[in-house]
Every structure is written in C-alpha cells, then in structure tokens.
Amino acid sequence: MSLSDPSDLLVSEAQLLPLAEVLNLPPDRLLGVSPRALAALATLGVRNVFDLAMSSVFNTAAQIEDAADRKSTRLNSSHLVIS
C-alpha cells in the first residue's frame, strides 16, 4: 500500500472521489473498518472520515502502532504496550 496515494486506503468505489468528498464518507469506506468497528466508532461520535482523523482514537492508534515498531517509545517504557 502506497502512503503517497491516500486513495489506496479506500474501498474501490471511493477511490475516484476527490479527497474533500472522502472526508464526508463514513469510516467504513476506509479499508479494514468492519461493521463492528463502525458501530464502536459511532459510539465515540465518529460519523465520517474527518471525525476519525480528528479524534483522539486516531492519534492513540498511531501511538500504539509506533510503540509496537519501536522499543524506545514512551508507551513501551511505561509497560502499557507489550510487544
């Protein structure tokens, strides 16, 4: 998956949309967002891709992924993430 092309992160029917329109799509238009995840995100007030990008959930997930990749992160040193 190419991070230089954000459309690679979208389901096929959303890949041709302008990115400004993508922000208004529900989060399940992103690859890997299951119906169960969509329901969980809704309980957090995440209704579209923009909400997800701006939410603390997105930032926390990025921090966890970073911690899994690097042993020297704050999360790993505090033993909050076990790798």
PDB file of N, CA and C in Angstrom:
ATOM      1  N   MET A   1       0.837  -1.176   0.000  1.00  0.00           N
ATOM      2  CA  MET A   1       0.000   0.000   0.000  1.00  0.00           C
ATOM      3  C   MET A   1       0.886   1.244   0.000  1.00  0.00           C
ATOM      4  N   SER A   2       0.617   2.155  -0.878  1.00  0.00           N
ATOM      5  CA  SER A   2       1.409   3.375  -1.011  1.00  0.00           C
ATOM      6  C   SER A   2       0.818   4.480  -0.151  1.00  0.00           C
ATOM      7  N   LEU A   3       1.617   4.980   0.767  1.00  0.00           N
ATOM      8  CA  LEU A   3       1.142   6.082   1.595  1.00  0.00           C
ATOM      9  C   LEU A   3       1.161   7.399   0.834  1.00  0.00           C
ATOM     10  N   SER A   4       1.812   7.431  -0.334  1.00  0.00           N
ATOM     11  CA  SER A   4       1.830   8.655  -1.121  1.00  0.00           C
ATOM     12  C   SER A   4       0.501   8.872  -1.842  1.00  0.00           C
ATOM     13  N   ASP A   5      -0.318   7.846  -1.939  1.00  0.00           N
ATOM     14  CA  ASP A   5      -1.624   7.957  -2.577  1.00  0.00           C
ATOM     15  C   ASP A   5      -2.698   7.541  -1.583  1.00  0.00           C
ATOM     16  N   PRO A   6      -3.326   8.511  -0.920  1.00  0.00           N
ATOM     17  CA  PRO A   6      -4.340   8.176   0.095  1.00  0.00           C
ATOM     18  C   PRO A   6      -5.495   7.345  -0.430  1.00  0.00           C
ATOM     19  N   SER A   7      -5.759   7.392  -1.719  1.00  0.00           N
ATOM     20  CA  SER A   7      -6.870   6.611  -2.253  1.00  0.00           C
ATOM     21  C   SER A   7      -6.614   5.113  -2.112  1.00  0.00           C
ATOM     22  N   ASP A   8      -5.348   4.716  -1.934  1.00  0.00           N
ATOM     23  CA  ASP A   8      -5.036   3.306  -1.707  1.00  0.00           C
ATOM     24  C   ASP A   8      -5.613   2.791  -0.387  1.00  0.00           C
ATOM     25  N   LEU A   9      -6.010   3.691   0.491  1.00  0.00           N
ATOM     26  CA  LEU A   9      -6.559   3.317   1.786  1.00  0.00           C
ATOM     27  C   LEU A   9      -8.077   3.198   1.762  1.00  0.00           C
ATOM     28  N   LEU A  10      -8.673   3.402   0.595  1.00  0.00           N
ATOM     29  CA  LEU A  10     -10.129   3.420   0.454  1.00  0.00           C
ATOM     30  C   LEU A  10     -10.644   2.189  -0.265  1.00  0.00           C
ATOM     31  N   VAL A  11     -11.890   1.836   0.022  1.00  0.00           N
ATOM     32  CA  VAL A  11     -12.539   0.782  -0.751  1.00  0.00           C
ATOM     33  C   VAL A  11     -12.643   1.259  -2.196  1.00  0.00           C
ATOM     34  N   SER A  12     -12.718   0.322  -3.111  1.00  0.00           N
ATOM     35  CA  SER A  12     -12.605   0.657  -4.535  1.00  0.00           C
ATOM     36  C   SER A  12     -13.608   1.709  -5.007  1.00  0.00           C
ATOM     37  N   GLU A  13     -14.850   1.631  -4.569  1.00  0.00           N
ATOM     38  CA  GLU A  13     -15.846   2.586  -5.062  1.00  0.00           C
ATOM     39  C   GLU A  13     -15.613   4.016  -4.571  1.00  0.00           C
ATOM     40  N   ALA A  14     -14.756   4.198  -3.587  1.00  0.00           N
ATOM     41  CA  ALA A  14     -14.463   5.541  -3.075  1.00  0.00           C
ATOM     42  C   ALA A  14     -13.143   6.087  -3.601  1.00  0.00           C
ATOM     43  N   GLN A  15     -12.364   5.273  -4.297  1.00  0.00           N
ATOM     44  CA  GLN A  15     -11.020   5.677  -4.715  1.00  0.00           C
ATOM     45  C   GLN A  15     -10.996   6.806  -5.732  1.00  0.00           C
ATOM     46  N   LEU A  16     -12.047   6.975  -6.511  1.00  0.00           N
ATOM     47  CA  LEU A  16     -12.054   8.016  -7.536  1.00  0.00           C
ATOM     48  C   LEU A  16     -12.633   9.342  -7.055  1.00  0.00           C
ATOM     49  N   LEU A  17     -13.122   9.371  -5.836  1.00  0.00           N
ATOM     50  CA  LEU A  17     -13.692  10.607  -5.294  1.00  0.00           C
ATOM     51  C   LEU A  17     -12.601  11.603  -4.927  1.00  0.00           C
ATOM     52  N   PRO A  18     -12.898  12.895  -5.052  1.00  0.00           N
ATOM     53  CA  PRO A  18     -11.945  13.902  -4.566  1.00  0.00           C
ATOM     54  C   PRO A  18     -11.772  13.736  -3.045  1.00  0.00           C
ATOM     55  N   LEU A  19     -10.575  13.980  -2.562  1.00  0.00           N
ATOM     56  CA  LEU A  19     -10.319  13.786  -1.136  1.00  0.00           C
ATOM     57  C   LEU A  19     -11.225  14.636  -0.254  1.00  0.00           C
ATOM     58  N   ALA A  20     -11.633  15.796  -0.733  1.00  0.00           N
ATOM     59  CA  ALA A  20     -12.559  16.629   0.047  1.00  0.00           C
ATOM     60  C   ALA A  20     -13.882  15.907   0.280  1.00  0.00           C
ATOM     61  N   GLU A  21     -14.328  15.110  -0.687  1.00  0.00           N
ATOM     62  CA  GLU A  21     -15.555  14.328  -0.524  1.00  0.00           C
ATOM     63  C   GLU A  21     -15.334  13.121   0.372  1.00  0.00           C
ATOM     64  N   VAL A  22     -14.140  12.546   0.308  1.00  0.00           N
ATOM     65  CA  VAL A  22     -13.811  11.385   1.135  1.00  0.00           C
ATOM     66  C   VAL A  22     -13.965  11.718   2.610  1.00  0.00           C
ATOM     67  N   LEU A  23     -13.633  12.931   2.995  1.00  0.00           N
ATOM     68  CA  LEU A  23     -13.738  13.330   4.402  1.00  0.00           C
ATOM     69  C   LEU A  23     -15.149  13.209   4.942  1.00  0.00           C
ATOM     70  N   ASN A  24     -16.139  13.282   4.068  1.00  0.00           N
ATOM     71  CA  ASN A  24     -17.539  13.177   4.496  1.00  0.00           C
ATOM     72  C   ASN A  24     -18.083  11.754   4.455  1.00  0.00           C
ATOM     73  N   LEU A  25     -17.277  10.806   3.975  1.00  0.00           N
ATOM     74  CA  LEU A  25     -17.725   9.415   3.903  1.00  0.00           C
ATOM     75  C   LEU A  25     -17.704   8.764   5.278  1.00  0.00           C
ATOM     76  N   PRO A  26     -18.528   7.746   5.483  1.00  0.00           N
ATOM     77  CA  PRO A  26     -18.462   7.003   6.739  1.00  0.00           C
ATOM     78  C   PRO A  26     -17.119   6.274   6.841  1.00  0.00           C
ATOM     79  N   PRO A  27     -16.646   6.033   8.049  1.00  0.00           N
ATOM     80  CA  PRO A  27     -15.340   5.399   8.242  1.00  0.00           C
ATOM     81  C   PRO A  27     -15.197   4.029   7.582  1.00  0.00           C
ATOM     82  N   ASP A  28     -16.297   3.329   7.323  1.00  0.00           N
ATOM     83  CA  ASP A  28     -16.170   2.009   6.705  1.00  0.00           C
ATOM     84  C   ASP A  28     -15.811   2.078   5.220  1.00  0.00           C
ATOM     85  N   ARG A  29     -15.645   3.260   4.687  1.00  0.00           N
ATOM     86  CA  ARG A  29     -15.133   3.409   3.326  1.00  0.00           C
ATOM     87  C   ARG A  29     -13.608   3.299   3.314  1.00  0.00           C
ATOM     88  N   LEU A  30     -13.010   3.274   4.512  1.00  0.00           N
ATOM     89  CA  LEU A  30     -11.584   3.004   4.659  1.00  0.00           C
ATOM     90  C   LEU A  30     -11.388   1.498   4.719  1.00  0.00           C
ATOM     91  N   LEU A  31     -10.344   1.012   4.065  1.00  0.00           N
ATOM     92  CA  LEU A  31     -10.055  -0.419   4.102  1.00  0.00           C
ATOM     93  C   LEU A  31      -9.842  -0.874   5.539  1.00  0.00           C
ATOM     94  N   GLY A  32     -10.437  -1.991   5.896  1.00  0.00           N
ATOM     95  CA  GLY A  32     -10.213  -2.589   7.201  1.00  0.00           C
ATOM     96  C   GLY A  32     -11.178  -2.170   8.292  1.00  0.00           C
ATOM     97  N   VAL A  33     -12.073  -1.230   8.018  1.00  0.00           N
ATOM     98  CA  VAL A  33     -13.051  -0.818   9.034  1.00  0.00           C
ATOM     99  C   VAL A  33     -14.279  -1.715   8.891  1.00  0.00           C
ATOM    100  N   SER A  34     -14.430  -2.601   9.840  1.00  0.00           N
ATOM    101  CA  SER A  34     -15.516  -3.579   9.819  1.00  0.00           C
ATOM    102  C   SER A  34     -16.820  -2.964  10.328  1.00  0.00           C
ATOM    103  N   PRO A  35     -17.941  -3.636  10.120  1.00  0.00           N
ATOM    104  CA  PRO A  35     -19.207  -3.152  10.689  1.00  0.00           C
ATOM    105  C   PRO A  35     -19.130  -3.001  12.212  1.00  0.00           C
ATOM    106  N   ARG A  36     -18.444  -3.918  12.856  1.00  0.00           N
ATOM    107  CA  ARG A  36     -18.297  -3.835  14.316  1.00  0.00           C
ATOM    108  C   ARG A  36     -17.482  -2.592  14.714  1.00  0.00           C
ATOM    109  N   ALA A  37     -16.399  -2.341  13.984  1.00  0.00           N
ATOM    110  CA  ALA A  37     -15.586  -1.147  14.255  1.00  0.00           C
ATOM    111  C   ALA A  37     -16.391   0.115  13.964  1.00  0.00           C
ATOM    112  N   LEU A  38     -17.174   0.096  12.896  1.00  0.00           N
ATOM    113  CA  LEU A  38     -18.005   1.246  12.551  1.00  0.00           C
ATOM    114  C   LEU A  38     -18.979   1.561  13.679  1.00  0.00           C
ATOM    115  N   ALA A  39     -19.589   0.532  14.244  1.00  0.00           N
ATOM    116  CA  ALA A  39     -20.519   0.730  15.360  1.00  0.00           C
ATOM    117  C   ALA A  39     -19.791   1.278  16.586  1.00  0.00           C
ATOM    118  N   ALA A  40     -18.602   0.761  16.855  1.00  0.00           N
ATOM    119  CA  ALA A  40     -17.828   1.251  18.006  1.00  0.00           C
ATOM    120  C   ALA A  40     -17.429   2.703  17.803  1.00  0.00           C
ATOM    121  N   LEU A  41     -17.014   3.052  16.592  1.00  0.00           N
ATOM    122  CA  LEU A  41     -16.644   4.443  16.299  1.00  0.00           C
ATOM    123  C   LEU A  41     -17.847   5.373  16.468  1.00  0.00           C
ATOM    124  N   ALA A  42     -19.017   4.903  16.071  1.00  0.00           N
ATOM    125  CA  ALA A  42     -20.229   5.718  16.204  1.00  0.00           C
ATOM    126  C   ALA A  42     -20.508   6.053  17.666  1.00  0.00           C
ATOM    127  N   THR A  43     -20.230   5.116  18.572  1.00  0.00           N
ATOM    128  CA  THR A  43     -20.454   5.391  19.991  1.00  0.00           C
ATOM    129  C   THR A  43     -19.502   6.467  20.505  1.00  0.00           C
ATOM    130  N   LEU A  44     -18.404   6.674  19.782  1.00  0.00           N
ATOM    131  CA  LEU A  44     -17.436   7.717  20.149  1.00  0.00           C
ATOM    132  C   LEU A  44     -17.695   9.026  19.419  1.00  0.00           C
ATOM    133  N   GLY A  45     -18.775   9.060  18.646  1.00  0.00           N
ATOM    134  CA  GLY A  45     -19.121  10.279  17.916  1.00  0.00           C
ATOM    135  C   GLY A  45     -18.422  10.407  16.573  1.00  0.00           C
ATOM    136  N   VAL A  46     -17.782   9.339  16.113  1.00  0.00           N
ATOM    137  CA  VAL A  46     -17.095   9.356  14.827  1.00  0.00           C
ATOM    138  C   VAL A  46     -18.087   8.925  13.756  1.00  0.00           C
ATOM    139  N   ARG A  47     -18.503   9.875  12.943  1.00  0.00           N
ATOM    140  CA  ARG A  47     -19.522   9.619  11.925  1.00  0.00           C
ATOM    141  C   ARG A  47     -18.962   9.609  10.503  1.00  0.00           C
ATOM    142  N   ASN A  48     -17.766  10.193  10.308  1.00  0.00           N
ATOM    143  CA  ASN A  48     -17.174  10.236   8.970  1.00  0.00           C
ATOM    144  C   ASN A  48     -15.648  10.200   9.079  1.00  0.00           C
ATOM    145  N   VAL A  49     -14.988  10.160   7.931  1.00  0.00           N
ATOM    146  CA  VAL A  49     -13.531  10.061   7.895  1.00  0.00           C
ATOM    147  C   VAL A  49     -12.892  11.273   8.577  1.00  0.00           C
ATOM    148  N   PHE A  50     -13.467  12.452   8.380  1.00  0.00           N
ATOM    149  CA  PHE A  50     -12.935  13.644   9.040  1.00  0.00           C
ATOM    150  C   PHE A  50     -12.993  13.502  10.561  1.00  0.00           C
ATOM    151  N   ASP A  51     -14.121  13.055  11.084  1.00  0.00           N
ATOM    152  CA  ASP A  51     -14.236  12.856  12.534  1.00  0.00           C
ATOM    153  C   ASP A  51     -13.159  11.894  13.039  1.00  0.00           C
ATOM    154  N   LEU A  52     -12.929  10.831  12.291  1.00  0.00           N
ATOM    155  CA  LEU A  52     -11.926   9.846  12.686  1.00  0.00           C
ATOM    156  C   LEU A  52     -10.536  10.470  12.687  1.00  0.00           C
ATOM    157  N   ALA A  53     -10.216  11.212  11.641  1.00  0.00           N
ATOM    158  CA  ALA A  53      -8.899  11.835  11.548  1.00  0.00           C
ATOM    159  C   ALA A  53      -8.657  12.828  12.677  1.00  0.00           C
ATOM    160  N   MET A  54      -9.700  13.475  13.139  1.00  0.00           N
ATOM    161  CA  MET A  54      -9.558  14.496  14.177  1.00  0.00           C
ATOM    162  C   MET A  54      -9.724  13.939  15.590  1.00  0.00           C
ATOM    163  N   SER A  55     -10.108  12.686  15.706  1.00  0.00           N
ATOM    164  CA  SER A  55     -10.395  12.136  17.031  1.00  0.00           C
ATOM    165  C   SER A  55      -9.131  11.668  17.738  1.00  0.00           C
ATOM    166  N   SER A  56      -9.214  11.596  19.028  1.00  0.00           N
ATOM    167  CA  SER A  56      -8.095  11.085  19.821  1.00  0.00           C
ATOM    168  C   SER A  56      -7.897   9.592  19.571  1.00  0.00           C
ATOM    169  N   VAL A  57      -8.937   8.911  19.087  1.00  0.00           N
ATOM    170  CA  VAL A  57      -8.833   7.487  18.771  1.00  0.00           C
ATOM    171  C   VAL A  57      -7.761   7.277  17.699  1.00  0.00           C
ATOM    172  N   PHE A  58      -7.770   8.109  16.681  1.00  0.00           N
ATOM    173  CA  PHE A  58      -6.804   8.005  15.591  1.00  0.00           C
ATOM    174  C   PHE A  58      -5.392   8.239  16.119  1.00  0.00           C
ATOM    175  N   ASN A  59      -5.212   9.271  16.918  1.00  0.00           N
ATOM    176  CA  ASN A  59      -3.896   9.583  17.480  1.00  0.00           C
ATOM    177  C   ASN A  59      -3.413   8.462  18.398  1.00  0.00           C
ATOM    178  N   THR A  60      -4.287   7.936  19.222  1.00  0.00           N
ATOM    179  CA  THR A  60      -3.911   6.843  20.127  1.00  0.00           C
ATOM    180  C   THR A  60      -3.519   5.602  19.340  1.00  0.00           C
ATOM    181  N   ALA A  61      -4.262   5.284  18.297  1.00  0.00           N
ATOM    182  CA  ALA A  61      -3.926   4.124  17.462  1.00  0.00           C
ATOM    183  C   ALA A  61      -2.559   4.314  16.813  1.00  0.00           C
ATOM    184  N   ALA A  62      -2.260   5.510  16.357  1.00  0.00           N
ATOM    185  CA  ALA A  62      -0.952   5.776  15.753  1.00  0.00           C
ATOM    186  C   ALA A  62       0.160   5.622  16.787  1.00  0.00           C
ATOM    187  N   GLN A  63      -0.079   6.066  18.015  1.00  0.00           N
ATOM    188  CA  GLN A  63       0.920   5.931  19.077  1.00  0.00           C
ATOM    189  C   GLN A  63       1.154   4.457  19.419  1.00  0.00           C
ATOM    190  N   ILE A  64       0.112   3.678  19.447  1.00  0.00           N
ATOM    191  CA  ILE A  64       0.245   2.243  19.745  1.00  0.00           C
ATOM    192  C   ILE A  64       1.021   1.546  18.637  1.00  0.00           C
ATOM    193  N   GLU A  65       0.698   1.891  17.396  1.00  0.00           N
ATOM    194  CA  GLU A  65       1.433   1.294  16.276  1.00  0.00           C
ATOM    195  C   GLU A  65       2.909   1.673  16.336  1.00  0.00           C
ATOM    196  N   ASP A  66       3.189   2.928  16.633  1.00  0.00           N
ATOM    197  CA  ASP A  66       4.570   3.387  16.761  1.00  0.00           C
ATOM    198  C   ASP A  66       5.281   2.643  17.887  1.00  0.00           C
ATOM    199  N   ALA A  67       4.606   2.453  18.997  1.00  0.00           N
ATOM    200  CA  ALA A  67       5.203   1.751  20.136  1.00  0.00           C
ATOM    201  C   ALA A  67       5.512   0.301  19.782  1.00  0.00           C
ATOM    202  N   ALA A  68       4.659  -0.310  18.983  1.00  0.00           N
ATOM    203  CA  ALA A  68       4.902  -1.691  18.580  1.00  0.00           C
ATOM    204  C   ALA A  68       6.134  -1.797  17.688  1.00  0.00           C
ATOM    205  N   ASP A  69       6.383  -0.744  16.920  1.00  0.00           N
ATOM    206  CA  ASP A  69       7.516  -0.749  15.994  1.00  0.00           C
ATOM    207  C   ASP A  69       8.834  -0.351  16.646  1.00  0.00           C
ATOM    208  N   ARG A  70       8.763   0.451  17.703  1.00  0.00           N
ATOM    209  CA  ARG A  70       9.994   0.956  18.325  1.00  0.00           C
ATOM    210  C   ARG A  70       9.962   0.668  19.818  1.00  0.00           C
ATOM    211  N   LYS A  71      10.970  -0.014  20.305  1.00  0.00           N
ATOM    212  CA  LYS A  71      11.037  -0.395  21.722  1.00  0.00           C
ATOM    213  C   LYS A  71      11.248   0.799  22.642  1.00  0.00           C
ATOM    214  N   SER A  72      11.782   1.903  22.114  1.00  0.00           N
ATOM    215  CA  SER A  72      12.147   3.025  22.979  1.00  0.00           C
ATOM    216  C   SER A  72      11.042   4.069  23.158  1.00  0.00           C
ATOM    217  N   THR A  73       9.816   3.773  22.758  1.00  0.00           N
ATOM    218  CA  THR A  73       8.744   4.754  22.908  1.00  0.00           C
ATOM    219  C   THR A  73       8.278   4.860  24.350  1.00  0.00           C
ATOM    220  N   ARG A  74       7.629   5.969  24.650  1.00  0.00           N
ATOM    221  CA  ARG A  74       7.112   6.199  25.997  1.00  0.00           C
ATOM    222  C   ARG A  74       6.119   5.122  26.416  1.00  0.00           C
ATOM    223  N   LEU A  75       5.279   4.677  25.481  1.00  0.00           N
ATOM    224  CA  LEU A  75       4.299   3.649  25.810  1.00  0.00           C
ATOM    225  C   LEU A  75       4.986   2.345  26.199  1.00  0.00           C
ATOM    226  N   ASN A  76       6.029   1.962  25.501  1.00  0.00           N
ATOM    227  CA  ASN A  76       6.735   0.732  25.840  1.00  0.00           C
ATOM    228  C   ASN A  76       7.481   0.871  27.155  1.00  0.00           C
ATOM    229  N   SER A  77       8.067   2.031  27.402  1.00  0.00           N
ATOM    230  CA  SER A  77       8.823   2.199  28.648  1.00  0.00           C
ATOM    231  C   SER A  77       7.912   2.214  29.873  1.00  0.00           C
ATOM    232  N   SER A  78       6.643   2.551  29.678  1.00  0.00           N
ATOM    233  CA  SER A  78       5.701   2.545  30.787  1.00  0.00           C
ATOM    234  C   SER A  78       4.973   1.208  30.910  1.00  0.00           C
ATOM    235  N   HIS A  79       5.330   0.275  30.029  1.00  0.00           N
ATOM    236  CA  HIS A  79       4.749  -1.083  30.023  1.00  0.00           C
ATOM    237  C   HIS A  79       3.257  -1.088  29.701  1.00  0.00           C
ATOM    238  N   LEU A  80       2.789  -0.041  28.998  1.00  0.00           N
ATOM    239  CA  LEU A  80       1.394  -0.023  28.591  1.00  0.00           C
ATOM    240  C   LEU A  80       1.160  -0.863  27.350  1.00  0.00           C
ATOM    241  N   VAL A  81       2.225  -1.059  26.573  1.00  0.00           N
ATOM    242  CA  VAL A  81       2.123  -1.887  25.380  1.00  0.00           C
ATOM    243  C   VAL A  81       3.122  -3.004  25.500  1.00  0.00           C
ATOM    244  N   ILE A  82       2.669  -4.210  25.321  1.00  0.00           N
ATOM    245  CA  ILE A  82       3.536  -5.372  25.399  1.00  0.00           C
ATOM    246  C   ILE A  82       3.768  -5.867  23.983  1.00  0.00           C
ATOM    247  N   SER A  83       5.031  -5.961  23.603  1.00  0.00           N
ATOM    248  CA  SER A  83       5.308  -6.432  22.243  1.00  0.00           C
ATOM    249  C   SER A  83       6.009  -7.770  22.270  1.00  0.00           C
TER     250      SER A  83
END
